[in-house]
């Protein structure tokens, strides 16, 4: 495990919480906050490598890509009548991932699910 100073850990926890906030803001502002959040994850990924926050970054990155893929699939299938169902599944997925992630971050725990 990577040993981070208290200041480094606090800063990285703020970044992690900010990404969860960006993910939540995607309900209001569509995919742009999701893209900003994943870009922040990828930019700061090396800083959390080997720490307990790495699991959150991996969780957030997967959340963003699967959500974007779900939204793209929804757009392609909306005219066929199944897009509304894939939209609900994608929204549920995003709510679940944000909730589990933010609770785990607040509790200072890693995420052991993927």
PDB file of N, CA and C in Angstrom:
ATOM      1  N   UNK A   1       0.828  -1.183   0.000  1.00  0.00           N
ATOM      2  CA  UNK A   1       0.000   0.000   0.000  1.00  0.00           C
ATOM      3  C   UNK A   1       0.876   1.252   0.000  1.00  0.00           C
ATOM      4  N   UNK A   2       0.429   2.222  -0.736  1.00  0.00           N
ATOM      5  CA  UNK A   2       1.143   3.485  -0.830  1.00  0.00           C
ATOM      6  C   UNK A   2       0.866   4.313   0.410  1.00  0.00           C
ATOM      7  N   UNK A   3       1.926   4.864   0.999  1.00  0.00           N
ATOM      8  CA  UNK A   3       1.765   5.740   2.157  1.00  0.00           C
ATOM      9  C   UNK A   3       1.690   7.178   1.678  1.00  0.00           C
ATOM     10  N   UNK A   4       0.560   7.801   1.942  1.00  0.00           N
ATOM     11  CA  UNK A   4       0.351   9.191   1.583  1.00  0.00           C
ATOM     12  C   UNK A   4       0.327  10.030   2.841  1.00  0.00           C
ATOM     13  N   UNK A   5       0.814  11.256   2.740  1.00  0.00           N
ATOM     14  CA  UNK A   5       0.722  12.161   3.882  1.00  0.00           C
ATOM     15  C   UNK A   5      -0.751  12.511   4.085  1.00  0.00           C
ATOM     16  N   UNK A   6      -1.061  13.031   5.258  1.00  0.00           N
ATOM     17  CA  UNK A   6      -2.445  13.409   5.545  1.00  0.00           C
ATOM     18  C   UNK A   6      -2.952  14.457   4.556  1.00  0.00           C
ATOM     19  N   UNK A   7      -2.074  15.383   4.176  1.00  0.00           N
ATOM     20  CA  UNK A   7      -2.456  16.429   3.226  1.00  0.00           C
ATOM     21  C   UNK A   7      -2.724  15.845   1.833  1.00  0.00           C
ATOM     22  N   UNK A   8      -1.845  14.937   1.401  1.00  0.00           N
ATOM     23  CA  UNK A   8      -2.026  14.301   0.096  1.00  0.00           C
ATOM     24  C   UNK A   8      -3.310  13.476   0.072  1.00  0.00           C
ATOM     25  N   UNK A   9      -3.541  12.720   1.141  1.00  0.00           N
ATOM     26  CA  UNK A   9      -4.739  11.894   1.222  1.00  0.00           C
ATOM     27  C   UNK A   9      -5.998  12.762   1.199  1.00  0.00           C
ATOM     28  N   UNK A  10      -5.987  13.851   1.957  1.00  0.00           N
ATOM     29  CA  UNK A  10      -7.155  14.745   1.989  1.00  0.00           C
ATOM     30  C   UNK A  10      -7.413  15.350   0.611  1.00  0.00           C
ATOM     31  N   UNK A  11      -6.358  15.753  -0.084  1.00  0.00           N
ATOM     32  CA  UNK A  11      -6.516  16.336  -1.422  1.00  0.00           C
ATOM     33  C   UNK A  11      -7.062  15.301  -2.404  1.00  0.00           C
ATOM     34  N   UNK A  12      -6.551  14.082  -2.337  1.00  0.00           N
ATOM     35  CA  UNK A  12      -7.015  13.034  -3.245  1.00  0.00           C
ATOM     36  C   UNK A  12      -8.442  12.597  -2.918  1.00  0.00           C
ATOM     37  N   UNK A  13      -8.813  12.621  -1.651  1.00  0.00           N
ATOM     38  CA  UNK A  13     -10.197  12.315  -1.279  1.00  0.00           C
ATOM     39  C   UNK A  13     -11.137  13.391  -1.818  1.00  0.00           C
ATOM     40  N   UNK A  14     -10.692  14.659  -1.784  1.00  0.00           N
ATOM     41  CA  UNK A  14     -11.510  15.744  -2.344  1.00  0.00           C
ATOM     42  C   UNK A  14     -11.692  15.562  -3.847  1.00  0.00           C
ATOM     43  N   UNK A  15     -10.626  15.163  -4.526  1.00  0.00           N
ATOM     44  CA  UNK A  15     -10.719  14.914  -5.968  1.00  0.00           C
ATOM     45  C   UNK A  15     -11.690  13.766  -6.234  1.00  0.00           C
ATOM     46  N   UNK A  16     -11.593  12.713  -5.450  1.00  0.00           N
ATOM     47  CA  UNK A  16     -12.481  11.567  -5.621  1.00  0.00           C
ATOM     48  C   UNK A  16     -13.938  11.975  -5.392  1.00  0.00           C
ATOM     49  N   UNK A  17     -14.189  12.762  -4.348  1.00  0.00           N
ATOM     50  CA  UNK A  17     -15.545  13.245  -4.082  1.00  0.00           C
ATOM     51  C   UNK A  17     -16.021  14.162  -5.207  1.00  0.00           C
ATOM     52  N   UNK A  18     -15.121  14.957  -5.748  1.00  0.00           N
ATOM     53  CA  UNK A  18     -15.470  15.848  -6.856  1.00  0.00           C
ATOM     54  C   UNK A  18     -15.905  15.042  -8.077  1.00  0.00           C
ATOM     55  N   UNK A  19     -15.222  13.949  -8.343  1.00  0.00           N
ATOM     56  CA  UNK A  19     -15.604  13.107  -9.483  1.00  0.00           C
ATOM     57  C   UNK A  19     -16.990  12.505  -9.249  1.00  0.00           C
ATOM     58  N   UNK A  20     -17.272  12.056  -8.025  1.00  0.00           N
ATOM     59  CA  UNK A  20     -18.624  11.557  -7.741  1.00  0.00           C
ATOM     60  C   UNK A  20     -19.652  12.670  -7.954  1.00  0.00           C
ATOM     61  N   UNK A  21     -19.304  13.897  -7.560  1.00  0.00           N
ATOM     62  CA  UNK A  21     -20.203  15.031  -7.776  1.00  0.00           C
ATOM     63  C   UNK A  21     -20.411  15.266  -9.272  1.00  0.00           C
ATOM     64  N   UNK A  22     -19.339  15.231 -10.057  1.00  0.00           N
ATOM     65  CA  UNK A  22     -19.473  15.381 -11.511  1.00  0.00           C
ATOM     66  C   UNK A  22     -20.383  14.297 -12.083  1.00  0.00           C
ATOM     67  N   UNK A  23     -20.224  13.076 -11.592  1.00  0.00           N
ATOM     68  CA  UNK A  23     -21.072  11.997 -12.076  1.00  0.00           C
ATOM     69  C   UNK A  23     -22.535  12.276 -11.749  1.00  0.00           C
ATOM     70  N   UNK A  24     -22.802  12.792 -10.560  1.00  0.00           N
ATOM     71  CA  UNK A  24     -24.176  13.126 -10.181  1.00  0.00           C
ATOM     72  C   UNK A  24     -24.709  14.290 -11.018  1.00  0.00           C
ATOM     73  N   UNK A  25     -23.849  15.242 -11.331  1.00  0.00           N
ATOM     74  CA  UNK A  25     -24.271  16.387 -12.146  1.00  0.00           C
ATOM     75  C   UNK A  25     -24.620  15.990 -13.569  1.00  0.00           C
ATOM     76  N   UNK A  26     -24.205  14.814 -13.982  1.00  0.00           N
ATOM     77  CA  UNK A  26     -24.529  14.364 -15.338  1.00  0.00           C
ATOM     78  C   UNK A  26     -26.036  14.151 -15.501  1.00  0.00           C
ATOM     79  N   UNK A  27     -26.776  14.037 -14.411  1.00  0.00           N
ATOM     80  CA  UNK A  27     -28.237  13.938 -14.515  1.00  0.00           C
ATOM     81  C   UNK A  27     -28.841  15.264 -14.965  1.00  0.00           C
ATOM     82  N   UNK A  28     -28.139  16.353 -14.696  1.00  0.00           N
ATOM     83  CA  UNK A  28     -28.627  17.685 -15.062  1.00  0.00           C
ATOM     84  C   UNK A  28     -28.006  18.161 -16.371  1.00  0.00           C
ATOM     85  N   UNK A  29     -26.709  17.943 -16.519  1.00  0.00           N
ATOM     86  CA  UNK A  29     -25.967  18.505 -17.648  1.00  0.00           C
ATOM     87  C   UNK A  29     -25.522  17.463 -18.673  1.00  0.00           C
ATOM     88  N   UNK A  30     -26.184  16.343 -18.722  1.00  0.00           N
ATOM     89  CA  UNK A  30     -25.887  15.258 -19.677  1.00  0.00           C
ATOM     90  C   UNK A  30     -24.481  14.702 -19.471  1.00  0.00           C
ATOM     91  N   UNK A  31     -23.792  14.380 -20.518  1.00  0.00           N
ATOM     92  CA  UNK A  31     -22.545  13.622 -20.419  1.00  0.00           C
ATOM     93  C   UNK A  31     -21.312  14.474 -20.120  1.00  0.00           C
ATOM     94  N   UNK A  32     -21.391  15.786 -20.262  1.00  0.00           N
ATOM     95  CA  UNK A  32     -20.204  16.621 -20.085  1.00  0.00           C
ATOM     96  C   UNK A  32     -19.547  16.463 -18.710  1.00  0.00           C
ATOM     97  N   UNK A  33     -20.292  16.545 -17.597  1.00  0.00           N
ATOM     98  CA  UNK A  33     -19.633  16.349 -16.296  1.00  0.00           C
ATOM     99  C   UNK A  33     -19.024  14.952 -16.151  1.00  0.00           C
ATOM    100  N   UNK A  34     -19.659  13.971 -16.747  1.00  0.00           N
ATOM    101  CA  UNK A  34     -19.138  12.600 -16.717  1.00  0.00           C
ATOM    102  C   UNK A  34     -17.776  12.541 -17.404  1.00  0.00           C
ATOM    103  N   UNK A  35     -17.662  13.213 -18.530  1.00  0.00           N
ATOM    104  CA  UNK A  35     -16.394  13.253 -19.274  1.00  0.00           C
ATOM    105  C   UNK A  35     -15.320  14.032 -18.511  1.00  0.00           C
ATOM    106  N   UNK A  36     -15.715  15.122 -17.874  1.00  0.00           N
ATOM    107  CA  UNK A  36     -14.760  15.898 -17.074  1.00  0.00           C
ATOM    108  C   UNK A  36     -14.259  15.050 -15.911  1.00  0.00           C
ATOM    109  N   UNK A  37     -15.170  14.333 -15.272  1.00  0.00           N
ATOM    110  CA  UNK A  37     -14.793  13.480 -14.144  1.00  0.00           C
ATOM    111  C   UNK A  37     -13.838  12.373 -14.537  1.00  0.00           C
ATOM    112  N   UNK A  38     -14.109  11.698 -15.641  1.00  0.00           N
ATOM    113  CA  UNK A  38     -13.227  10.609 -16.061  1.00  0.00           C
ATOM    114  C   UNK A  38     -11.875  11.171 -16.504  1.00  0.00           C
ATOM    115  N   UNK A  39     -11.861  12.363 -17.098  1.00  0.00           N
ATOM    116  CA  UNK A  39     -10.582  12.987 -17.473  1.00  0.00           C
ATOM    117  C   UNK A  39      -9.763  13.290 -16.216  1.00  0.00           C
ATOM    118  N   UNK A  40     -10.424  13.760 -15.165  1.00  0.00           N
ATOM    119  CA  UNK A  40      -9.742  14.022 -13.889  1.00  0.00           C
ATOM    120  C   UNK A  40      -9.204  12.728 -13.290  1.00  0.00           C
ATOM    121  N   UNK A  41     -10.000  11.661 -13.351  1.00  0.00           N
ATOM    122  CA  UNK A  41      -9.535  10.347 -12.883  1.00  0.00           C
ATOM    123  C   UNK A  41      -8.279   9.909 -13.615  1.00  0.00           C
ATOM    124  N   UNK A  42      -8.314   9.997 -14.927  1.00  0.00           N
ATOM    125  CA  UNK A  42      -7.180   9.536 -15.720  1.00  0.00           C
ATOM    126  C   UNK A  42      -5.945  10.403 -15.489  1.00  0.00           C
ATOM    127  N   UNK A  43      -6.155  11.690 -15.281  1.00  0.00           N
ATOM    128  CA  UNK A  43      -5.045  12.616 -15.039  1.00  0.00           C
ATOM    129  C   UNK A  43      -4.368  12.349 -13.692  1.00  0.00           C
ATOM    130  N   UNK A  44      -5.156  12.042 -12.664  1.00  0.00           N
ATOM    131  CA  UNK A  44      -4.626  11.858 -11.300  1.00  0.00           C
ATOM    132  C   UNK A  44      -4.439  10.394 -10.919  1.00  0.00           C
ATOM    133  N   UNK A  45      -4.644   9.494 -11.850  1.00  0.00           N
ATOM    134  CA  UNK A  45      -4.606   8.056 -11.556  1.00  0.00           C
ATOM    135  C   UNK A  45      -3.286   7.603 -10.933  1.00  0.00           C
ATOM    136  N   UNK A  46      -2.168   8.091 -11.419  1.00  0.00           N
ATOM    137  CA  UNK A  46      -0.867   7.685 -10.883  1.00  0.00           C
ATOM    138  C   UNK A  46      -0.688   8.106  -9.431  1.00  0.00           C
ATOM    139  N   UNK A  47      -1.330   9.204  -9.032  1.00  0.00           N
ATOM    140  CA  UNK A  47      -1.196   9.697  -7.659  1.00  0.00           C
ATOM    141  C   UNK A  47      -1.839   8.773  -6.633  1.00  0.00           C
ATOM    142  N   UNK A  48      -2.858   8.031  -7.039  1.00  0.00           N
ATOM    143  CA  UNK A  48      -3.551   7.144  -6.094  1.00  0.00           C
ATOM    144  C   UNK A  48      -3.109   5.697  -6.214  1.00  0.00           C
ATOM    145  N   UNK A  49      -2.251   5.415  -7.181  1.00  0.00           N
ATOM    146  CA  UNK A  49      -1.817   4.040  -7.409  1.00  0.00           C
ATOM    147  C   UNK A  49      -1.186   3.461  -6.148  1.00  0.00           C
ATOM    148  N   UNK A  50      -1.670   2.303  -5.733  1.00  0.00           N
ATOM    149  CA  UNK A  50      -1.165   1.638  -4.545  1.00  0.00           C
ATOM    150  C   UNK A  50      -1.839   2.074  -3.255  1.00  0.00           C
ATOM    151  N   UNK A  51      -2.766   3.028  -3.333  1.00  0.00           N
ATOM    152  CA  UNK A  51      -3.485   3.465  -2.134  1.00  0.00           C
ATOM    153  C   UNK A  51      -4.915   2.915  -2.176  1.00  0.00           C
ATOM    154  N   UNK A  52      -5.635   3.072  -1.087  1.00  0.00           N
ATOM    155  CA  UNK A  52      -7.007   2.582  -1.029  1.00  0.00           C
ATOM    156  C   UNK A  52      -7.923   3.368  -1.963  1.00  0.00           C
ATOM    157  N   UNK A  53      -7.505   4.564  -2.353  1.00  0.00           N
ATOM    158  CA  UNK A  53      -8.315   5.364  -3.272  1.00  0.00           C
ATOM    159  C   UNK A  53      -8.253   4.853  -4.713  1.00  0.00           C
ATOM    160  N   UNK A  54      -7.284   4.015  -5.008  1.00  0.00           N
ATOM    161  CA  UNK A  54      -7.176   3.465  -6.359  1.00  0.00           C
ATOM    162  C   UNK A  54      -8.447   2.707  -6.739  1.00  0.00           C
ATOM    163  N   UNK A  55      -9.037   1.991  -5.773  1.00  0.00           N
ATOM    164  CA  UNK A  55     -10.266   1.245  -6.075  1.00  0.00           C
ATOM    165  C   UNK A  55     -11.399   2.199  -6.469  1.00  0.00           C
ATOM    166  N   UNK A  56     -11.432   3.387  -5.859  1.00  0.00           N
ATOM    167  CA  UNK A  56     -12.456   4.370  -6.206  1.00  0.00           C
ATOM    168  C   UNK A  56     -12.236   4.911  -7.614  1.00  0.00           C
ATOM    169  N   UNK A  57     -10.990   5.188  -7.948  1.00  0.00           N
ATOM    170  CA  UNK A  57     -10.697   5.688  -9.290  1.00  0.00           C
ATOM    171  C   UNK A  57     -11.080   4.644 -10.339  1.00  0.00           C
ATOM    172  N   UNK A  58     -10.730   3.383 -10.106  1.00  0.00           N
ATOM    173  CA  UNK A  58     -11.100   2.319 -11.033  1.00  0.00           C
ATOM    174  C   UNK A  58     -12.622   2.212 -11.155  1.00  0.00           C
ATOM    175  N   UNK A  59     -13.303   2.309 -10.020  1.00  0.00           N
ATOM    176  CA  UNK A  59     -14.768   2.257  -9.968  1.00  0.00           C
ATOM    177  C   UNK A  59     -15.368   3.408 -10.776  1.00  0.00           C
ATOM    178  N   UNK A  60     -14.832   4.610 -10.585  1.00  0.00           N
ATOM    179  CA  UNK A  60     -15.358   5.784 -11.269  1.00  0.00           C
ATOM    180  C   UNK A  60     -15.106   5.726 -12.776  1.00  0.00           C
ATOM    181  N   UNK A  61     -13.942   5.260 -13.165  1.00  0.00           N
ATOM    182  CA  UNK A  61     -13.619   5.159 -14.585  1.00  0.00           C
ATOM    183  C   UNK A  61     -14.557   4.155 -15.261  1.00  0.00           C
ATOM    184  N   UNK A  62     -14.745   3.002 -14.633  1.00  0.00           N
ATOM    185  CA  UNK A  62     -15.655   1.997 -15.206  1.00  0.00           C
ATOM    186  C   UNK A  62     -17.081   2.535 -15.250  1.00  0.00           C
ATOM    187  N   UNK A  63     -17.487   3.240 -14.196  1.00  0.00           N
ATOM    188  CA  UNK A  63     -18.822   3.825 -14.162  1.00  0.00           C
ATOM    189  C   UNK A  63     -19.034   4.765 -15.343  1.00  0.00           C
ATOM    190  N   UNK A  64     -18.056   5.620 -15.589  1.00  0.00           N
ATOM    191  CA  UNK A  64     -18.185   6.586 -16.678  1.00  0.00           C
ATOM    192  C   UNK A  64     -18.283   5.907 -18.032  1.00  0.00           C
ATOM    193  N   UNK A  65     -17.384   4.966 -18.317  1.00  0.00           N
ATOM    194  CA  UNK A  65     -17.374   4.332 -19.643  1.00  0.00           C
ATOM    195  C   UNK A  65     -18.624   3.493 -19.876  1.00  0.00           C
ATOM    196  N   UNK A  66     -19.063   2.749 -18.871  1.00  0.00           N
ATOM    197  CA  UNK A  66     -20.265   1.929 -19.056  1.00  0.00           C
ATOM    198  C   UNK A  66     -21.498   2.823 -19.201  1.00  0.00           C
ATOM    199  N   UNK A  67     -21.552   3.901 -18.447  1.00  0.00           N
ATOM    200  CA  UNK A  67     -22.675   4.839 -18.568  1.00  0.00           C
ATOM    201  C   UNK A  67     -22.703   5.463 -19.958  1.00  0.00           C
ATOM    202  N   UNK A  68     -21.552   5.908 -20.447  1.00  0.00           N
ATOM    203  CA  UNK A  68     -21.499   6.489 -21.790  1.00  0.00           C
ATOM    204  C   UNK A  68     -21.895   5.477 -22.855  1.00  0.00           C
ATOM    205  N   UNK A  69     -21.453   4.241 -22.692  1.00  0.00           N
ATOM    206  CA  UNK A  69     -21.839   3.190 -23.636  1.00  0.00           C
ATOM    207  C   UNK A  69     -23.348   2.940 -23.563  1.00  0.00           C
ATOM    208  N   UNK A  70     -23.889   2.938 -22.355  1.00  0.00           N
ATOM    209  CA  UNK A  70     -25.339   2.753 -22.185  1.00  0.00           C
ATOM    210  C   UNK A  70     -26.133   3.878 -22.822  1.00  0.00           C
ATOM    211  N   UNK A  71     -25.642   5.104 -22.683  1.00  0.00           N
ATOM    212  CA  UNK A  71     -26.330   6.240 -23.298  1.00  0.00           C
ATOM    213  C   UNK A  71     -26.245   6.181 -24.824  1.00  0.00           C
ATOM    214  N   UNK A  72     -25.105   5.762 -25.340  1.00  0.00           N
ATOM    215  CA  UNK A  72     -24.961   5.623 -26.790  1.00  0.00           C
ATOM    216  C   UNK A  72     -25.891   4.534 -27.313  1.00  0.00           C
ATOM    217  N   UNK A  73     -25.946   3.409 -26.611  1.00  0.00           N
ATOM    218  CA  UNK A  73     -26.836   2.321 -27.013  1.00  0.00           C
ATOM    219  C   UNK A  73     -28.284   2.780 -26.957  1.00  0.00           C
ATOM    220  N   UNK A  74     -28.624   3.554 -25.931  1.00  0.00           N
ATOM    221  CA  UNK A  74     -29.975   4.105 -25.803  1.00  0.00           C
ATOM    222  C   UNK A  74     -30.314   4.976 -27.006  1.00  0.00           C
ATOM    223  N   UNK A  75     -29.368   5.835 -27.398  1.00  0.00           N
ATOM    224  CA  UNK A  75     -29.607   6.715 -28.538  1.00  0.00           C
ATOM    225  C   UNK A  75     -29.853   5.917 -29.814  1.00  0.00           C
ATOM    226  N   UNK A  76     -29.103   4.833 -30.015  1.00  0.00           N
ATOM    227  CA  UNK A  76     -29.254   4.022 -31.225  1.00  0.00           C
ATOM    228  C   UNK A  76     -30.527   3.186 -31.227  1.00  0.00           C
ATOM    229  N   UNK A  77     -31.025   2.838 -30.056  1.00  0.00           N
ATOM    230  CA  UNK A  77     -32.184   1.940 -29.993  1.00  0.00           C
ATOM    231  C   UNK A  77     -33.485   2.651 -29.632  1.00  0.00           C
ATOM    232  N   UNK A  78     -33.428   3.946 -29.430  1.00  0.00           N
ATOM    233  CA  UNK A  78     -34.627   4.665 -29.006  1.00  0.00           C
ATOM    234  C   UNK A  78     -35.742   4.564 -30.052  1.00  0.00           C
ATOM    235  N   UNK A  79     -35.372   4.660 -31.299  1.00  0.00           N
ATOM    236  CA  UNK A  79     -36.369   4.579 -32.366  1.00  0.00           C
ATOM    237  C   UNK A  79     -37.005   3.212 -32.497  1.00  0.00           C
ATOM    238  N   UNK A  80     -36.348   2.190 -31.979  1.00  0.00           N
ATOM    239  CA  UNK A  80     -36.883   0.830 -32.042  1.00  0.00           C
ATOM    240  C   UNK A  80     -37.803   0.515 -30.873  1.00  0.00           C
ATOM    241  N   UNK A  81     -37.898   1.449 -29.940  1.00  0.00           N
ATOM    242  CA  UNK A  81     -38.790   1.249 -28.807  1.00  0.00           C
ATOM    243  C   UNK A  81     -38.146   0.630 -27.589  1.00  0.00           C
ATOM    244  N   UNK A  82     -36.908   0.175 -27.700  1.00  0.00           N
ATOM    245  CA  UNK A  82     -36.256  -0.409 -26.518  1.00  0.00           C
ATOM    246  C   UNK A  82     -35.306   0.576 -25.840  1.00  0.00           C
ATOM    247  N   UNK A  83     -35.099   1.705 -26.470  1.00  0.00           N
ATOM    248  CA  UNK A  83     -34.190   2.706 -25.914  1.00  0.00           C
ATOM    249  C   UNK A  83     -34.606   3.209 -24.551  1.00  0.00           C
ATOM    250  N   UNK A  84     -35.906   3.315 -24.320  1.00  0.00           N
ATOM    251  CA  UNK A  84     -36.388   3.791 -23.017  1.00  0.00           C
ATOM    252  C   UNK A  84     -35.996   2.815 -21.914  1.00  0.00           C
ATOM    253  N   UNK A  85     -35.995   1.525 -22.228  1.00  0.00           N
ATOM    254  CA  UNK A  85     -35.622   0.521 -21.238  1.00  0.00           C
ATOM    255  C   UNK A  85     -34.117   0.576 -20.949  1.00  0.00           C
ATOM    256  N   UNK A  86     -33.330   0.734 -22.004  1.00  0.00           N
ATOM    257  CA  UNK A  86     -31.883   0.830 -21.782  1.00  0.00           C
ATOM    258  C   UNK A  86     -31.528   2.126 -21.061  1.00  0.00           C
ATOM    259  N   UNK A  87     -32.318   3.171 -21.285  1.00  0.00           N
ATOM    260  CA  UNK A  87     -32.087   4.423 -20.559  1.00  0.00           C
ATOM    261  C   UNK A  87     -32.324   4.222 -19.065  1.00  0.00           C
ATOM    262  N   UNK A  88     -33.424   3.556 -18.706  1.00  0.00           N
ATOM    263  CA  UNK A  88     -33.712   3.298 -17.291  1.00  0.00           C
ATOM    264  C   UNK A  88     -32.634   2.419 -16.650  1.00  0.00           C
ATOM    265  N   UNK A  89     -32.183   1.425 -17.372  1.00  0.00           N
ATOM    266  CA  UNK A  89     -31.121   0.554 -16.854  1.00  0.00           C
ATOM    267  C   UNK A  89     -29.839   1.356 -16.644  1.00  0.00           C
ATOM    268  N   UNK A  90     -29.507   2.216 -17.604  1.00  0.00           N
ATOM    269  CA  UNK A  90     -28.296   3.042 -17.497  1.00  0.00           C
ATOM    270  C   UNK A  90     -28.401   4.008 -16.330  1.00  0.00           C
ATOM    271  N   UNK A  91     -29.551   4.629 -16.154  1.00  0.00           N
ATOM    272  CA  UNK A  91     -29.745   5.561 -15.031  1.00  0.00           C
ATOM    273  C   UNK A  91     -29.645   4.817 -13.708  1.00  0.00           C
ATOM    274  N   UNK A  92     -30.277   3.661 -13.614  1.00  0.00           N
ATOM    275  CA  UNK A  92     -30.191   2.866 -12.389  1.00  0.00           C
ATOM    276  C   UNK A  92     -28.740   2.494 -12.093  1.00  0.00           C
ATOM    277  N   UNK A  93     -28.012   2.063 -13.128  1.00  0.00           N
ATOM    278  CA  UNK A  93     -26.590   1.712 -12.998  1.00  0.00           C
ATOM    279  C   UNK A  93     -25.810   2.890 -12.427  1.00  0.00           C
ATOM    280  N   UNK A  94     -26.020   4.075 -12.982  1.00  0.00           N
ATOM    281  CA  UNK A  94     -25.282   5.259 -12.548  1.00  0.00           C
ATOM    282  C   UNK A  94     -25.624   5.640 -11.105  1.00  0.00           C
ATOM    283  N   UNK A  95     -26.890   5.623 -10.762  1.00  0.00           N
ATOM    284  CA  UNK A  95     -27.302   5.938  -9.382  1.00  0.00           C
ATOM    285  C   UNK A  95     -26.674   4.941  -8.403  1.00  0.00           C
ATOM    286  N   UNK A  96     -26.743   3.662  -8.736  1.00  0.00           N
ATOM    287  CA  UNK A  96     -26.161   2.617  -7.892  1.00  0.00           C
ATOM    288  C   UNK A  96     -24.665   2.850  -7.689  1.00  0.00           C
ATOM    289  N   UNK A  97     -23.943   3.087  -8.776  1.00  0.00           N
ATOM    290  CA  UNK A  97     -22.485   3.232  -8.699  1.00  0.00           C
ATOM    291  C   UNK A  97     -22.082   4.488  -7.922  1.00  0.00           C
ATOM    292  N   UNK A  98     -22.789   5.590  -8.135  1.00  0.00           N
ATOM    293  CA  UNK A  98     -22.480   6.808  -7.387  1.00  0.00           C
ATOM    294  C   UNK A  98     -22.748   6.593  -5.903  1.00  0.00           C
ATOM    295  N   UNK A  99     -23.884   5.992  -5.585  1.00  0.00           N
ATOM    296  CA  UNK A  99     -24.267   5.778  -4.183  1.00  0.00           C
ATOM    297  C   UNK A  99     -23.268   4.878  -3.465  1.00  0.00           C
ATOM    298  N   UNK A 100     -22.964   3.725  -4.034  1.00  0.00           N
ATOM    299  CA  UNK A 100     -22.021   2.794  -3.407  1.00  0.00           C
ATOM    300  C   UNK A 100     -20.650   3.449  -3.260  1.00  0.00           C
ATOM    301  N   UNK A 101     -20.211   4.132  -4.301  1.00  0.00           N
ATOM    302  CA  UNK A 101     -18.898   4.766  -4.265  1.00  0.00           C
ATOM    303  C   UNK A 101     -18.793   5.861  -3.228  1.00  0.00           C
ATOM    304  N   UNK A 102     -19.775   6.749  -3.204  1.00  0.00           N
ATOM    305  CA  UNK A 102     -19.718   7.881  -2.283  1.00  0.00           C
ATOM    306  C   UNK A 102     -19.823   7.413  -0.830  1.00  0.00           C
ATOM    307  N   UNK A 103     -20.665   6.432  -0.572  1.00  0.00           N
ATOM    308  CA  UNK A 103     -20.775   5.890   0.793  1.00  0.00           C
ATOM    309  C   UNK A 103     -19.447   5.254   1.213  1.00  0.00           C
ATOM    310  N   UNK A 104     -18.850   4.485   0.336  1.00  0.00           N
ATOM    311  CA  UNK A 104     -17.563   3.849   0.650  1.00  0.00           C
ATOM    312  C   UNK A 104     -16.479   4.891   0.874  1.00  0.00           C
ATOM    313  N   UNK A 105     -16.466   5.936   0.058  1.00  0.00           N
ATOM    314  CA  UNK A 105     -15.479   7.005   0.232  1.00  0.00           C
ATOM    315  C   UNK A 105     -15.672   7.704   1.565  1.00  0.00           C
ATOM    316  N   UNK A 106     -16.906   8.017   1.906  1.00  0.00           N
ATOM    317  CA  UNK A 106     -17.206   8.681   3.172  1.00  0.00           C
ATOM    318  C   UNK A 106     -16.787   7.824   4.362  1.00  0.00           C
ATOM    319  N   UNK A 107     -16.948   6.505   4.231  1.00  0.00           N
ATOM    320  CA  UNK A 107     -16.551   5.581   5.296  1.00  0.00           C
ATOM    321  C   UNK A 107     -15.055   5.276   5.296  1.00  0.00           C
ATOM    322  N   UNK A 108     -14.344   5.779   4.290  1.00  0.00           N
ATOM    323  CA  UNK A 108     -12.901   5.530   4.196  1.00  0.00           C
ATOM    324  C   UNK A 108     -12.555   4.107   3.800  1.00  0.00           C
ATOM    325  N   UNK A 109     -13.432   3.481   3.005  1.00  0.00           N
ATOM    326  CA  UNK A 109     -13.249   2.079   2.617  1.00  0.00           C
ATOM    327  C   UNK A 109     -12.975   1.971   1.119  1.00  0.00           C
ATOM    328  N   UNK A 110     -12.309   0.874   0.776  1.00  0.00           N
ATOM    329  CA  UNK A 110     -12.127   0.567  -0.638  1.00  0.00           C
ATOM    330  C   UNK A 110     -13.421   0.015  -1.198  1.00  0.00           C
ATOM    331  N   UNK A 111     -13.481  -0.075  -2.513  1.00  0.00           N
ATOM    332  CA  UNK A 111     -14.617  -0.701  -3.174  1.00  0.00           C
ATOM    333  C   UNK A 111     -14.141  -2.052  -3.670  1.00  0.00           C
ATOM    334  N   UNK A 112     -14.760  -3.105  -3.185  1.00  0.00           N
ATOM    335  CA  UNK A 112     -14.332  -4.455  -3.532  1.00  0.00           C
ATOM    336  C   UNK A 112     -15.164  -5.078  -4.626  1.00  0.00           C
ATOM    337  N   UNK A 113     -16.161  -4.346  -5.100  1.00  0.00           N
ATOM    338  CA  UNK A 113     -17.021  -4.851  -6.182  1.00  0.00           C
ATOM    339  C   UNK A 113     -16.581  -4.191  -7.479  1.00  0.00           C
ATOM    340  N   UNK A 114     -16.914  -4.784  -8.549  1.00  0.00           N
ATOM    341  CA  UNK A 114     -16.646  -4.142  -9.841  1.00  0.00           C
ATOM    342  C   UNK A 114     -17.863  -4.355 -10.670  1.00  0.00           C
TER     343      UNK A 114
END
